[in-house]
N, C-alpha and C. Protein backbone atom coordinates (compact mmCIF):
# COMPACT_ATOMS: atom_id res chain seq x y z
N MET A 1 189.40 217.56 162.81
CA MET A 1 189.26 217.54 164.32
C MET A 1 187.73 217.82 164.67
N VAL A 2 187.27 217.06 165.55
CA VAL A 2 185.94 217.24 165.95
C VAL A 2 185.91 217.52 167.41
N TYR A 3 185.08 218.38 167.93
CA TYR A 3 185.06 218.73 169.36
C TYR A 3 183.70 219.37 169.78
N GLN A 4 183.47 219.49 171.11
CA GLN A 4 182.26 220.16 171.60
C GLN A 4 182.27 221.60 171.48
N ALA A 5 181.29 222.10 171.09
CA ALA A 5 181.25 223.66 170.84
C ALA A 5 181.52 224.28 172.16
N THR A 6 182.11 225.49 172.17
CA THR A 6 182.30 226.22 173.42
C THR A 6 182.00 227.74 173.05
N TYR A 7 182.21 228.67 174.03
CA TYR A 7 181.92 229.95 173.76
C TYR A 7 182.56 230.66 172.63
N LYS A 8 183.83 230.13 172.23
CA LYS A 8 184.48 230.59 171.03
C LYS A 8 183.69 230.33 169.73
N ASP A 9 183.02 229.34 169.91
CA ASP A 9 182.18 228.94 168.52
C ASP A 9 180.77 229.53 168.47
N LEU A 10 180.48 230.40 169.40
CA LEU A 10 179.14 231.03 169.61
C LEU A 10 178.64 231.70 168.30
N ASP A 11 179.43 232.51 167.61
CA ASP A 11 178.93 233.09 166.39
C ASP A 11 178.59 232.13 165.33
N GLY A 12 179.56 231.14 165.03
CA GLY A 12 179.35 230.17 163.95
C GLY A 12 178.08 229.31 164.33
N VAL A 13 178.06 228.89 165.50
CA VAL A 13 176.99 227.97 165.92
C VAL A 13 175.63 228.75 165.83
N ALA A 14 175.51 229.95 166.36
CA ALA A 14 174.42 230.84 166.21
C ALA A 14 173.93 231.03 164.67
N THR A 15 174.87 231.24 164.00
CA THR A 15 174.56 231.46 162.54
C THR A 15 173.97 230.24 162.01
N LEU A 16 174.50 229.02 162.21
CA LEU A 16 174.01 227.78 161.67
C LEU A 16 172.60 227.40 162.32
N PHE A 17 172.42 227.78 163.65
CA PHE A 17 171.02 227.65 164.26
C PHE A 17 170.06 228.47 163.57
N ASN A 18 170.40 229.68 163.14
CA ASN A 18 169.45 230.60 162.43
C ASN A 18 169.22 230.14 161.16
N LEU A 19 170.14 229.52 160.47
CA LEU A 19 169.87 228.95 159.16
C LEU A 19 168.92 227.80 159.33
N TYR A 20 169.10 226.93 160.26
CA TYR A 20 168.19 225.80 160.60
C TYR A 20 166.82 226.32 160.70
N ARG A 21 166.66 227.44 161.53
CA ARG A 21 165.26 227.99 161.77
C ARG A 21 164.68 228.41 160.43
N MET A 22 165.43 229.09 159.66
CA MET A 22 164.88 229.63 158.40
C MET A 22 164.63 228.49 157.42
N PHE A 23 165.21 227.36 157.48
CA PHE A 23 164.96 226.30 156.58
C PHE A 23 163.45 225.77 157.06
N TYR A 24 163.09 225.92 158.38
CA TYR A 24 161.81 225.50 158.69
C TYR A 24 160.87 226.70 158.66
N GLU A 25 161.15 227.70 157.84
CA GLU A 25 160.24 228.86 157.53
C GLU A 25 160.03 229.78 158.70
N GLN A 26 161.02 229.81 159.56
CA GLN A 26 161.00 230.81 160.66
C GLN A 26 161.63 231.97 160.22
N GLU A 27 161.35 233.16 160.66
CA GLU A 27 162.04 234.53 160.18
C GLU A 27 163.40 234.37 160.77
N SER A 28 164.34 235.03 160.08
CA SER A 28 165.74 235.26 160.38
C SER A 28 165.71 236.08 161.64
N ASP A 29 166.57 235.46 162.72
CA ASP A 29 166.70 236.30 163.95
C ASP A 29 168.12 235.77 164.52
N LEU A 30 169.17 236.33 163.96
CA LEU A 30 170.45 236.04 164.42
C LEU A 30 170.80 236.42 165.76
N LYS A 31 170.16 237.59 166.25
CA LYS A 31 170.44 238.15 167.59
C LYS A 31 169.79 237.14 168.64
N GLY A 32 168.51 236.69 168.34
CA GLY A 32 167.85 235.86 169.10
C GLY A 32 168.48 234.46 169.14
N ALA A 33 169.02 233.93 167.96
CA ALA A 33 169.74 232.67 168.08
C ALA A 33 170.94 232.70 168.82
N LYS A 34 171.68 233.76 168.70
CA LYS A 34 172.82 233.90 169.54
C LYS A 34 172.60 233.98 171.04
N SER A 35 171.59 234.61 171.34
CA SER A 35 171.13 234.69 172.84
C SER A 35 170.71 233.34 173.30
N TYR A 36 170.00 232.63 172.44
CA TYR A 36 169.47 231.27 172.94
C TYR A 36 170.73 230.33 173.06
N ILE A 37 171.48 230.36 172.15
CA ILE A 37 172.75 229.39 172.10
C ILE A 37 173.62 229.77 173.33
N LYS A 38 173.81 231.01 173.62
CA LYS A 38 174.60 231.47 174.73
C LYS A 38 173.99 231.07 176.13
N ARG A 39 172.63 231.23 176.32
CA ARG A 39 172.00 230.63 177.35
C ARG A 39 172.22 229.26 177.60
N ARG A 40 172.00 228.58 176.52
CA ARG A 40 172.15 227.08 176.63
C ARG A 40 173.59 226.64 177.01
N LEU A 41 174.55 227.37 176.57
CA LEU A 41 175.94 227.15 176.88
C LEU A 41 176.15 227.53 178.42
N GLU A 42 175.56 228.60 178.90
CA GLU A 42 175.88 228.95 180.23
C GLU A 42 175.16 227.98 181.29
N LYS A 43 174.12 227.35 180.86
CA LYS A 43 173.47 226.46 181.81
C LYS A 43 173.97 224.93 181.46
N LYS A 44 174.87 224.86 180.61
CA LYS A 44 175.42 223.63 180.18
C LYS A 44 174.34 222.66 179.79
N ARG A 45 173.48 223.06 178.93
CA ARG A 45 172.34 222.23 178.51
C ARG A 45 172.46 222.26 176.97
N PHE A 46 173.69 222.44 176.38
CA PHE A 46 173.87 222.37 175.05
C PHE A 46 174.97 221.65 174.63
N CYS A 47 174.78 220.82 173.64
CA CYS A 47 175.84 219.77 173.25
C CYS A 47 175.74 219.96 171.76
N ASN A 48 176.82 220.56 171.20
CA ASN A 48 176.94 220.64 169.68
C ASN A 48 178.26 220.21 169.32
N ILE A 49 178.43 219.47 168.40
CA ILE A 49 179.72 219.13 167.96
C ILE A 49 180.16 219.82 166.73
N CYS A 50 181.37 220.35 166.88
CA CYS A 50 181.93 221.27 165.68
C CYS A 50 183.12 220.45 164.96
N SER A 51 183.17 220.72 163.81
CA SER A 51 184.36 220.23 163.05
C SER A 51 185.13 221.20 162.46
N GLN A 52 186.49 221.01 162.51
CA GLN A 52 187.34 222.01 161.88
C GLN A 52 188.31 221.34 161.03
N ARG A 53 188.61 221.90 159.95
CA ARG A 53 189.56 221.32 159.01
C ARG A 53 190.95 221.83 159.29
């Protein structure tokens, strides 16, 4: 099943975003990643597709 991310996906998406940042040699900042994703969701400026098995 594929769907657009919502607040219930915040922890998982933030973890994935933090790993993405680390891949590009940024320091780990899970709290900051979660805050960033949450703000984007609140302003409806975030579109991320999630997959569930």
